[in-house]
Amino acid sequence: MKDIIKYIRVNRNLSQQKFAEELGVAFATVNRWEQGITIPSDLIQNTLFEYCKKNNINLSIYILNKYTDEYNKLLLQYPNILFHGSKSGLENEINPRS
């Protein structure tokens, strides 16, 4: 959550103080969110969502890029890794077929 909040603020090119004023919270609150000390309440999370809609901030792209970057790091670290989409997992051994 802390990365998303900072992304929203930086996207708008705002200081923590100015961002806090726009959200109607204290500077220290935004600071604690961005440090990961606390997380916004459900009410403030809804406010952040509406703030993004109002200011045309697309969080979907941010989240997709973040997970794509993490995926690419894993591929570099483990080039032969196999990702499987099953929620129940795999059964038996995985053997290559030619």
PDB file of N, CA and C in Angstrom:
ATOM      1  N   MET A   1       0.821  -1.191   0.000  1.00  0.00           N
ATOM      2  CA  MET A   1       0.000   0.000   0.000  1.00  0.00           C
ATOM      3  C   MET A   1       0.866   1.256   0.000  1.00  0.00           C
ATOM      4  N   LYS A   2       1.993   1.203   0.738  1.00  0.00           N
ATOM      5  CA  LYS A   2       2.843   2.389   0.841  1.00  0.00           C
ATOM      6  C   LYS A   2       3.365   2.819  -0.529  1.00  0.00           C
ATOM      7  N   ASP A   3       3.694   1.847  -1.391  1.00  0.00           N
ATOM      8  CA  ASP A   3       4.193   2.186  -2.720  1.00  0.00           C
ATOM      9  C   ASP A   3       3.106   2.817  -3.586  1.00  0.00           C
ATOM     10  N   ILE A   4       1.888   2.339  -3.427  1.00  0.00           N
ATOM     11  CA  ILE A   4       0.771   2.884  -4.200  1.00  0.00           C
ATOM     12  C   ILE A   4       0.501   4.329  -3.789  1.00  0.00           C
ATOM     13  N   ILE A   5       0.519   4.590  -2.495  1.00  0.00           N
ATOM     14  CA  ILE A   5       0.268   5.953  -2.013  1.00  0.00           C
ATOM     15  C   ILE A   5       1.342   6.899  -2.521  1.00  0.00           C
ATOM     16  N   LYS A   6       2.589   6.459  -2.451  1.00  0.00           N
ATOM     17  CA  LYS A   6       3.672   7.317  -2.946  1.00  0.00           C
ATOM     18  C   LYS A   6       3.537   7.522  -4.455  1.00  0.00           C
ATOM     19  N   TYR A   7       3.156   6.473  -5.186  1.00  0.00           N
ATOM     20  CA  TYR A   7       2.962   6.593  -6.630  1.00  0.00           C
ATOM     21  C   TYR A   7       1.901   7.646  -6.948  1.00  0.00           C
ATOM     22  N   ILE A   8       0.800   7.612  -6.225  1.00  0.00           N
ATOM     23  CA  ILE A   8      -0.275   8.592  -6.452  1.00  0.00           C
ATOM     24  C   ILE A   8       0.242  10.007  -6.211  1.00  0.00           C
ATOM     25  N   ARG A   9       0.935  10.188  -5.099  1.00  0.00           N
ATOM     26  CA  ARG A   9       1.441  11.519  -4.738  1.00  0.00           C
ATOM     27  C   ARG A   9       2.471  12.022  -5.750  1.00  0.00           C
ATOM     28  N   VAL A  10       3.419  11.162  -6.110  1.00  0.00           N
ATOM     29  CA  VAL A  10       4.464  11.562  -7.057  1.00  0.00           C
ATOM     30  C   VAL A  10       3.867  11.808  -8.434  1.00  0.00           C
ATOM     31  N   ASN A  11       2.875  11.001  -8.806  1.00  0.00           N
ATOM     32  CA  ASN A  11       2.200  11.188 -10.092  1.00  0.00           C
ATOM     33  C   ASN A  11       1.609  12.587 -10.210  1.00  0.00           C
ATOM     34  N   ARG A  12       1.123  13.112  -9.098  1.00  0.00           N
ATOM     35  CA  ARG A  12       0.542  14.456  -9.077  1.00  0.00           C
ATOM     36  C   ARG A  12       1.590  15.529  -8.795  1.00  0.00           C
ATOM     37  N   ASN A  13       2.849  15.097  -8.585  1.00  0.00           N
ATOM     38  CA  ASN A  13       3.954  16.017  -8.332  1.00  0.00           C
ATOM     39  C   ASN A  13       3.690  16.871  -7.087  1.00  0.00           C
ATOM     40  N   LEU A  14       3.260  16.205  -6.012  1.00  0.00           N
ATOM     41  CA  LEU A  14       2.923  16.906  -4.779  1.00  0.00           C
ATOM     42  C   LEU A  14       3.872  16.516  -3.651  1.00  0.00           C
ATOM     43  N   SER A  15       4.113  17.445  -2.751  1.00  0.00           N
ATOM     44  CA  SER A  15       4.823  17.126  -1.516  1.00  0.00           C
ATOM     45  C   SER A  15       3.866  16.339  -0.623  1.00  0.00           C
ATOM     46  N   GLN A  16       4.415  15.717   0.398  1.00  0.00           N
ATOM     47  CA  GLN A  16       3.548  15.012   1.341  1.00  0.00           C
ATOM     48  C   GLN A  16       2.579  15.989   2.002  1.00  0.00           C
ATOM     49  N   GLN A  17       3.053  17.190   2.300  1.00  0.00           N
ATOM     50  CA  GLN A  17       2.213  18.202   2.946  1.00  0.00           C
ATOM     51  C   GLN A  17       1.029  18.578   2.047  1.00  0.00           C
ATOM     52  N   LYS A  18       1.321  18.867   0.791  1.00  0.00           N
ATOM     53  CA  LYS A  18       0.258  19.283  -0.140  1.00  0.00           C
ATOM     54  C   LYS A  18      -0.723  18.122  -0.397  1.00  0.00           C
ATOM     55  N   PHE A  19      -0.185  16.928  -0.523  1.00  0.00           N
ATOM     56  CA  PHE A  19      -1.033  15.751  -0.732  1.00  0.00           C
ATOM     57  C   PHE A  19      -1.952  15.554   0.466  1.00  0.00           C
ATOM     58  N   ALA A  20      -1.404  15.703   1.662  1.00  0.00           N
ATOM     59  CA  ALA A  20      -2.206  15.571   2.885  1.00  0.00           C
ATOM     60  C   ALA A  20      -3.340  16.594   2.896  1.00  0.00           C
ATOM     61  N   GLU A  21      -3.030  17.824   2.503  1.00  0.00           N
ATOM     62  CA  GLU A  21      -4.060  18.873   2.463  1.00  0.00           C
ATOM     63  C   GLU A  21      -5.167  18.503   1.489  1.00  0.00           C
ATOM     64  N   GLU A  22      -4.796  17.967   0.320  1.00  0.00           N
ATOM     65  CA  GLU A  22      -5.809  17.596  -0.674  1.00  0.00           C
ATOM     66  C   GLU A  22      -6.702  16.455  -0.179  1.00  0.00           C
ATOM     67  N   LEU A  23      -6.142  15.578   0.644  1.00  0.00           N
ATOM     68  CA  LEU A  23      -6.930  14.451   1.176  1.00  0.00           C
ATOM     69  C   LEU A  23      -7.646  14.789   2.470  1.00  0.00           C
ATOM     70  N   GLY A  24      -7.273  15.909   3.079  1.00  0.00           N
ATOM     71  CA  GLY A  24      -7.889  16.301   4.335  1.00  0.00           C
ATOM     72  C   GLY A  24      -7.351  15.531   5.532  1.00  0.00           C
ATOM     73  N   VAL A  25      -6.066  15.156   5.459  1.00  0.00           N
ATOM     74  CA  VAL A  25      -5.418  14.465   6.573  1.00  0.00           C
ATOM     75  C   VAL A  25      -4.154  15.229   6.953  1.00  0.00           C
ATOM     76  N   ALA A  26      -3.525  14.819   8.039  1.00  0.00           N
ATOM     77  CA  ALA A  26      -2.306  15.481   8.494  1.00  0.00           C
ATOM     78  C   ALA A  26      -1.099  15.003   7.684  1.00  0.00           C
ATOM     79  N   PHE A  27      -0.100  15.870   7.599  1.00  0.00           N
ATOM     80  CA  PHE A  27       1.155  15.516   6.930  1.00  0.00           C
ATOM     81  C   PHE A  27       1.732  14.229   7.518  1.00  0.00           C
ATOM     82  N   ALA A  28       1.729  14.128   8.867  1.00  0.00           N
ATOM     83  CA  ALA A  28       2.297  12.954   9.540  1.00  0.00           C
ATOM     84  C   ALA A  28       1.582  11.673   9.114  1.00  0.00           C
ATOM     85  N   THR A  29       0.304  11.773   8.810  1.00  0.00           N
ATOM     86  CA  THR A  29      -0.472  10.605   8.375  1.00  0.00           C
ATOM     87  C   THR A  29       0.057  10.086   7.043  1.00  0.00           C
ATOM     88  N   VAL A  30       0.223  10.987   6.080  1.00  0.00           N
ATOM     89  CA  VAL A  30       0.760  10.591   4.770  1.00  0.00           C
ATOM     90  C   VAL A  30       2.168  10.030   4.939  1.00  0.00           C
ATOM     91  N   ASN A  31       2.958  10.668   5.769  1.00  0.00           N
ATOM     92  CA  ASN A  31       4.322  10.217   6.016  1.00  0.00           C
ATOM     93  C   ASN A  31       4.334   8.798   6.573  1.00  0.00           C
ATOM     94  N   ARG A  32       3.460   8.514   7.527  1.00  0.00           N
ATOM     95  CA  ARG A  32       3.385   7.161   8.111  1.00  0.00           C
ATOM     96  C   ARG A  32       2.894   6.139   7.083  1.00  0.00           C
ATOM     97  N   TRP A  33       1.969   6.537   6.213  1.00  0.00           N
ATOM     98  CA  TRP A  33       1.511   5.628   5.161  1.00  0.00           C
ATOM     99  C   TRP A  33       2.668   5.246   4.253  1.00  0.00           C
ATOM    100  N   GLU A  34       3.416   6.260   3.809  1.00  0.00           N
ATOM    101  CA  GLU A  34       4.496   6.004   2.857  1.00  0.00           C
ATOM    102  C   GLU A  34       5.651   5.230   3.483  1.00  0.00           C
ATOM    103  N   GLN A  35       5.814   5.308   4.780  1.00  0.00           N
ATOM    104  CA  GLN A  35       6.844   4.525   5.454  1.00  0.00           C
ATOM    105  C   GLN A  35       6.367   3.117   5.788  1.00  0.00           C
ATOM    106  N   GLY A  36       5.077   2.865   5.606  1.00  0.00           N
ATOM    107  CA  GLY A  36       4.517   1.557   5.904  1.00  0.00           C
ATOM    108  C   GLY A  36       4.258   1.339   7.382  1.00  0.00           C
ATOM    109  N   ILE A  37       4.256   2.416   8.158  1.00  0.00           N
ATOM    110  CA  ILE A  37       4.001   2.314   9.593  1.00  0.00           C
ATOM    111  C   ILE A  37       2.522   2.055   9.847  1.00  0.00           C
ATOM    112  N   THR A  38       1.680   2.738   9.083  1.00  0.00           N
ATOM    113  CA  THR A  38       0.236   2.531   9.165  1.00  0.00           C
ATOM    114  C   THR A  38      -0.318   2.412   7.754  1.00  0.00           C
ATOM    115  N   ILE A  39      -1.559   1.960   7.671  1.00  0.00           N
ATOM    116  CA  ILE A  39      -2.244   1.927   6.376  1.00  0.00           C
ATOM    117  C   ILE A  39      -3.516   2.746   6.497  1.00  0.00           C
ATOM    118  N   PRO A  40      -3.984   3.298   5.373  1.00  0.00           N
ATOM    119  CA  PRO A  40      -5.211   4.094   5.418  1.00  0.00           C
ATOM    120  C   PRO A  40      -6.421   3.243   5.813  1.00  0.00           C
ATOM    121  N   SER A  41      -7.350   3.882   6.489  1.00  0.00           N
ATOM    122  CA  SER A  41      -8.608   3.210   6.828  1.00  0.00           C
ATOM    123  C   SER A  41      -9.385   2.908   5.543  1.00  0.00           C
ATOM    124  N   ASP A  42     -10.411   2.099   5.663  1.00  0.00           N
ATOM    125  CA  ASP A  42     -11.242   1.792   4.494  1.00  0.00           C
ATOM    126  C   ASP A  42     -11.836   3.060   3.886  1.00  0.00           C
ATOM    127  N   LEU A  43     -12.251   3.982   4.740  1.00  0.00           N
ATOM    128  CA  LEU A  43     -12.818   5.240   4.262  1.00  0.00           C
ATOM    129  C   LEU A  43     -11.791   6.022   3.446  1.00  0.00           C
ATOM    130  N   ILE A  44     -10.575   6.129   3.942  1.00  0.00           N
ATOM    131  CA  ILE A  44      -9.531   6.860   3.222  1.00  0.00           C
ATOM    132  C   ILE A  44      -9.124   6.112   1.956  1.00  0.00           C
ATOM    133  N   GLN A  45      -9.130   4.785   1.998  1.00  0.00           N
ATOM    134  CA  GLN A  45      -8.822   4.027   0.781  1.00  0.00           C
ATOM    135  C   GLN A  45      -9.841   4.333  -0.304  1.00  0.00           C
ATOM    136  N   ASN A  46     -11.108   4.448   0.072  1.00  0.00           N
ATOM    137  CA  ASN A  46     -12.136   4.841  -0.902  1.00  0.00           C
ATOM    138  C   ASN A  46     -11.891   6.258  -1.398  1.00  0.00           C
ATOM    139  N   THR A  47     -11.476   7.143  -0.488  1.00  0.00           N
ATOM    140  CA  THR A  47     -11.157   8.521  -0.864  1.00  0.00           C
ATOM    141  C   THR A  47      -9.995   8.536  -1.859  1.00  0.00           C
ATOM    142  N   LEU A  48      -8.980   7.709  -1.616  1.00  0.00           N
ATOM    143  CA  LEU A  48      -7.840   7.621  -2.535  1.00  0.00           C
ATOM    144  C   LEU A  48      -8.276   7.113  -3.905  1.00  0.00           C
ATOM    145  N   PHE A  49      -9.171   6.129  -3.901  1.00  0.00           N
ATOM    146  CA  PHE A  49      -9.682   5.595  -5.158  1.00  0.00           C
ATOM    147  C   PHE A  49     -10.411   6.692  -5.947  1.00  0.00           C
ATOM    148  N   GLU A  50     -11.263   7.444  -5.269  1.00  0.00           N
ATOM    149  CA  GLU A  50     -11.987   8.537  -5.917  1.00  0.00           C
ATOM    150  C   GLU A  50     -11.016   9.631  -6.378  1.00  0.00           C
ATOM    151  N   TYR A  51      -9.991   9.896  -5.583  1.00  0.00           N
ATOM    152  CA  TYR A  51      -8.966  10.883  -5.937  1.00  0.00           C
ATOM    153  C   TYR A  51      -8.275  10.474  -7.240  1.00  0.00           C
ATOM    154  N   CYS A  52      -7.966   9.191  -7.363  1.00  0.00           N
ATOM    155  CA  CYS A  52      -7.336   8.690  -8.584  1.00  0.00           C
ATOM    156  C   CYS A  52      -8.261   8.837  -9.790  1.00  0.00           C
ATOM    157  N   LYS A  53      -9.529   8.495  -9.608  1.00  0.00           N
ATOM    158  CA  LYS A  53     -10.490   8.645 -10.708  1.00  0.00           C
ATOM    159  C   LYS A  53     -10.587  10.104 -11.139  1.00  0.00           C
ATOM    160  N   LYS A  54     -10.690  10.996 -10.161  1.00  0.00           N
ATOM    161  CA  LYS A  54     -10.827  12.428 -10.436  1.00  0.00           C
ATOM    162  C   LYS A  54      -9.606  12.989 -11.172  1.00  0.00           C
ATOM    163  N   ASN A  55      -8.425  12.465 -10.840  1.00  0.00           N
ATOM    164  CA  ASN A  55      -7.184  12.987 -11.412  1.00  0.00           C
ATOM    165  C   ASN A  55      -6.593  12.096 -12.501  1.00  0.00           C
ATOM    166  N   ASN A  56      -7.390  11.167 -13.023  1.00  0.00           N
ATOM    167  CA  ASN A  56      -6.979  10.290 -14.118  1.00  0.00           C
ATOM    168  C   ASN A  56      -5.674   9.543 -13.832  1.00  0.00           C
ATOM    169  N   ILE A  57      -5.574   8.992 -12.637  1.00  0.00           N
ATOM    170  CA  ILE A  57      -4.411   8.198 -12.255  1.00  0.00           C
ATOM    171  C   ILE A  57      -4.801   6.734 -12.375  1.00  0.00           C
ATOM    172  N   ASN A  58      -4.159   6.024 -13.291  1.00  0.00           N
ATOM    173  CA  ASN A  58      -4.502   4.630 -13.557  1.00  0.00           C
ATOM    174  C   ASN A  58      -3.623   3.711 -12.708  1.00  0.00           C
ATOM    175  N   LEU A  59      -4.171   3.211 -11.617  1.00  0.00           N
ATOM    176  CA  LEU A  59      -3.420   2.310 -10.747  1.00  0.00           C
ATOM    177  C   LEU A  59      -3.241   0.931 -11.364  1.00  0.00           C
ATOM    178  N   SER A  60      -4.106   0.547 -12.279  1.00  0.00           N
ATOM    179  CA  SER A  60      -3.985  -0.767 -12.920  1.00  0.00           C
ATOM    180  C   SER A  60      -2.656  -0.895 -13.640  1.00  0.00           C
ATOM    181  N   ILE A  61      -2.260   0.149 -14.343  1.00  0.00           N
ATOM    182  CA  ILE A  61      -0.990   0.122 -15.066  1.00  0.00           C
ATOM    183  C   ILE A  61       0.172   0.036 -14.086  1.00  0.00           C
ATOM    184  N   TYR A  62       0.104   0.797 -13.000  1.00  0.00           N
ATOM    185  CA  TYR A  62       1.161   0.757 -11.987  1.00  0.00           C
ATOM    186  C   TYR A  62       1.306  -0.649 -11.409  1.00  0.00           C
ATOM    187  N   ILE A  63       0.190  -1.254 -11.030  1.00  0.00           N
ATOM    188  CA  ILE A  63       0.216  -2.584 -10.420  1.00  0.00           C
ATOM    189  C   ILE A  63       0.696  -3.628 -11.423  1.00  0.00           C
ATOM    190  N   LEU A  64       0.218  -3.556 -12.662  1.00  0.00           N
ATOM    191  CA  LEU A  64       0.654  -4.492 -13.694  1.00  0.00           C
ATOM    192  C   LEU A  64       2.164  -4.377 -13.913  1.00  0.00           C
ATOM    193  N   ASN A  65       2.678  -3.149 -14.002  1.00  0.00           N
ATOM    194  CA  ASN A  65       4.115  -2.958 -14.200  1.00  0.00           C
ATOM    195  C   ASN A  65       4.911  -3.496 -13.017  1.00  0.00           C
ATOM    196  N   LYS A  66       4.408  -3.278 -11.815  1.00  0.00           N
ATOM    197  CA  LYS A  66       5.105  -3.755 -10.624  1.00  0.00           C
ATOM    198  C   LYS A  66       5.221  -5.278 -10.632  1.00  0.00           C
ATOM    199  N   TYR A  67       4.133  -5.975 -10.938  1.00  0.00           N
ATOM    200  CA  TYR A  67       4.172  -7.429 -10.952  1.00  0.00           C
ATOM    201  C   TYR A  67       4.950  -7.961 -12.152  1.00  0.00           C
ATOM    202  N   THR A  68       4.919  -7.264 -13.258  1.00  0.00           N
ATOM    203  CA  THR A  68       5.716  -7.665 -14.417  1.00  0.00           C
ATOM    204  C   THR A  68       7.200  -7.559 -14.090  1.00  0.00           C
ATOM    205  N   ASP A  69       7.590  -6.484 -13.413  1.00  0.00           N
ATOM    206  CA  ASP A  69       8.985  -6.321 -12.994  1.00  0.00           C
ATOM    207  C   ASP A  69       9.401  -7.446 -12.052  1.00  0.00           C
ATOM    208  N   GLU A  70       8.545  -7.780 -11.087  1.00  0.00           N
ATOM    209  CA  GLU A  70       8.857  -8.864 -10.144  1.00  0.00           C
ATOM    210  C   GLU A  70       8.980 -10.199 -10.878  1.00  0.00           C
ATOM    211  N   TYR A  71       8.105 -10.429 -11.823  1.00  0.00           N
ATOM    212  CA  TYR A  71       8.138 -11.651 -12.621  1.00  0.00           C
ATOM    213  C   TYR A  71       9.442 -11.734 -13.405  1.00  0.00           C
ATOM    214  N   ASN A  72       9.836 -10.630 -14.031  1.00  0.00           N
ATOM    215  CA  ASN A  72      11.077 -10.611 -14.809  1.00  0.00           C
ATOM    216  C   ASN A  72      12.302 -10.831 -13.924  1.00  0.00           C
ATOM    217  N   LYS A  73      12.290 -10.292 -12.708  1.00  0.00           N
ATOM    218  CA  LYS A  73      13.398 -10.533 -11.776  1.00  0.00           C
ATOM    219  C   LYS A  73      13.500 -12.019 -11.437  1.00  0.00           C
ATOM    220  N   LEU A  74      12.351 -12.651 -11.230  1.00  0.00           N
ATOM    221  CA  LEU A  74      12.347 -14.091 -10.945  1.00  0.00           C
ATOM    222  C   LEU A  74      12.899 -14.884 -12.118  1.00  0.00           C
ATOM    223  N   LEU A  75      12.527 -14.499 -13.332  1.00  0.00           N
ATOM    224  CA  LEU A  75      13.018 -15.211 -14.508  1.00  0.00           C
ATOM    225  C   LEU A  75      14.525 -15.076 -14.650  1.00  0.00           C
ATOM    226  N   LEU A  76      15.071 -13.907 -14.311  1.00  0.00           N
ATOM    227  CA  LEU A  76      16.520 -13.729 -14.365  1.00  0.00           C
ATOM    228  C   LEU A  76      17.217 -14.576 -13.306  1.00  0.00           C
ATOM    229  N   GLN A  77      16.603 -14.652 -12.139  1.00  0.00           N
ATOM    230  CA  GLN A  77      17.195 -15.405 -11.038  1.00  0.00           C
ATOM    231  C   GLN A  77      17.043 -16.915 -11.249  1.00  0.00           C
ATOM    232  N   TYR A  78      15.903 -17.325 -11.780  1.00  0.00           N
ATOM    233  CA  TYR A  78      15.615 -18.745 -11.991  1.00  0.00           C
ATOM    234  C   TYR A  78      15.139 -18.942 -13.438  1.00  0.00           C
ATOM    235  N   PRO A  79      16.071 -19.021 -14.389  1.00  0.00           N
ATOM    236  CA  PRO A  79      15.674 -19.058 -15.801  1.00  0.00           C
ATOM    237  C   PRO A  79      14.857 -20.283 -16.197  1.00  0.00           C
ATOM    238  N   ASN A  80      14.949 -21.359 -15.439  1.00  0.00           N
ATOM    239  CA  ASN A  80      14.212 -22.575 -15.792  1.00  0.00           C
ATOM    240  C   ASN A  80      12.973 -22.777 -14.932  1.00  0.00           C
ATOM    241  N   ILE A  81      12.494 -21.707 -14.330  1.00  0.00           N
ATOM    242  CA  ILE A  81      11.346 -21.821 -13.440  1.00  0.00           C
ATOM    243  C   ILE A  81      10.074 -22.099 -14.243  1.00  0.00           C
ATOM    244  N   LEU A  82       9.221 -22.906 -13.664  1.00  0.00           N
ATOM    245  CA  LEU A  82       7.947 -23.235 -14.297  1.00  0.00           C
ATOM    246  C   LEU A  82       6.826 -22.641 -13.460  1.00  0.00           C
ATOM    247  N   PHE A  83       6.020 -21.797 -14.050  1.00  0.00           N
ATOM    248  CA  PHE A  83       4.869 -21.228 -13.358  1.00  0.00           C
ATOM    249  C   PHE A  83       3.645 -22.032 -13.742  1.00  0.00           C
ATOM    250  N   HIS A  84       2.881 -22.383 -12.743  1.00  0.00           N
ATOM    251  CA  HIS A  84       1.683 -23.177 -12.982  1.00  0.00           C
ATOM    252  C   HIS A  84       0.500 -22.439 -12.381  1.00  0.00           C
ATOM    253  N   GLY A  85      -0.577 -22.331 -13.104  1.00  0.00           N
ATOM    254  CA  GLY A  85      -1.721 -21.561 -12.656  1.00  0.00           C
ATOM    255  C   GLY A  85      -2.710 -22.311 -11.785  1.00  0.00           C
ATOM    256  N   SER A  86      -2.460 -23.562 -11.510  1.00  0.00           N
ATOM    257  CA  SER A  86      -3.396 -24.354 -10.731  1.00  0.00           C
ATOM    258  C   SER A  86      -3.410 -23.931  -9.274  1.00  0.00           C
ATOM    259  N   LYS A  87      -4.600 -23.759  -8.717  1.00  0.00           N
ATOM    260  CA  LYS A  87      -4.714 -23.425  -7.299  1.00  0.00           C
ATOM    261  C   LYS A  87      -4.473 -24.649  -6.426  1.00  0.00           C
ATOM    262  N   SER A  88      -4.718 -25.823  -6.971  1.00  0.00           N
ATOM    263  CA  SER A  88      -4.571 -27.035  -6.166  1.00  0.00           C
ATOM    264  C   SER A  88      -3.164 -27.602  -6.238  1.00  0.00           C
ATOM    265  N   GLY A  89      -2.332 -27.080  -7.113  1.00  0.00           N
ATOM    266  CA  GLY A  89      -0.953 -27.555  -7.220  1.00  0.00           C
ATOM    267  C   GLY A  89      -0.821 -28.675  -8.232  1.00  0.00           C
ATOM    268  N   LEU A  90       0.392 -29.154  -8.329  1.00  0.00           N
ATOM    269  CA  LEU A  90       0.689 -30.234  -9.273  1.00  0.00           C
ATOM    270  C   LEU A  90       0.767 -31.557  -8.539  1.00  0.00           C
ATOM    271  N   GLU A  91       0.417 -32.601  -9.228  1.00  0.00           N
ATOM    272  CA  GLU A  91       0.552 -33.928  -8.668  1.00  0.00           C
ATOM    273  C   GLU A  91       1.572 -34.701  -9.490  1.00  0.00           C
ATOM    274  N   ASN A  92       2.288 -35.594  -8.817  1.00  0.00           N
ATOM    275  CA  ASN A  92       3.303 -36.435  -9.452  1.00  0.00           C
ATOM    276  C   ASN A  92       4.490 -35.613  -9.946  1.00  0.00           C
ATOM    277  N   GLU A  93       5.366 -36.260 -10.675  1.00  0.00           N
ATOM    278  CA  GLU A  93       6.554 -35.586 -11.181  1.00  0.00           C
ATOM    279  C   GLU A  93       6.268 -34.904 -12.501  1.00  0.00           C
ATOM    280  N   ILE A  94       7.091 -33.899 -12.804  1.00  0.00           N
ATOM    281  CA  ILE A  94       6.989 -33.239 -14.107  1.00  0.00           C
ATOM    282  C   ILE A  94       8.152 -33.772 -14.947  1.00  0.00           C
ATOM    283  N   ASN A  95       7.833 -34.469 -16.013  1.00  0.00           N
ATOM    284  CA  ASN A  95       8.857 -35.023 -16.884  1.00  0.00           C
ATOM    285  C   ASN A  95       8.728 -34.431 -18.276  1.00  0.00           C
ATOM    286  N   PRO A  96       9.865 -33.999 -18.846  1.00  0.00           N
ATOM    287  CA  PRO A  96       9.805 -33.456 -20.203  1.00  0.00           C
ATOM    288  C   PRO A  96       9.475 -34.550 -21.219  1.00  0.00           C
ATOM    289  N   ARG A  97       8.761 -34.177 -22.229  1.00  0.00           N
ATOM    290  CA  ARG A  97       8.439 -35.131 -23.307  1.00  0.00           C
ATOM    291  C   ARG A  97       9.058 -34.588 -24.591  1.00  0.00           C
ATOM    292  N   SER A  98       9.552 -35.507 -25.373  1.00  0.00           N
ATOM    293  CA  SER A  98      10.150 -35.064 -26.639  1.00  0.00           C
ATOM    294  C   SER A  98       9.312 -35.531 -27.808  1.00  0.00           C
TER     295      SER A  98
END
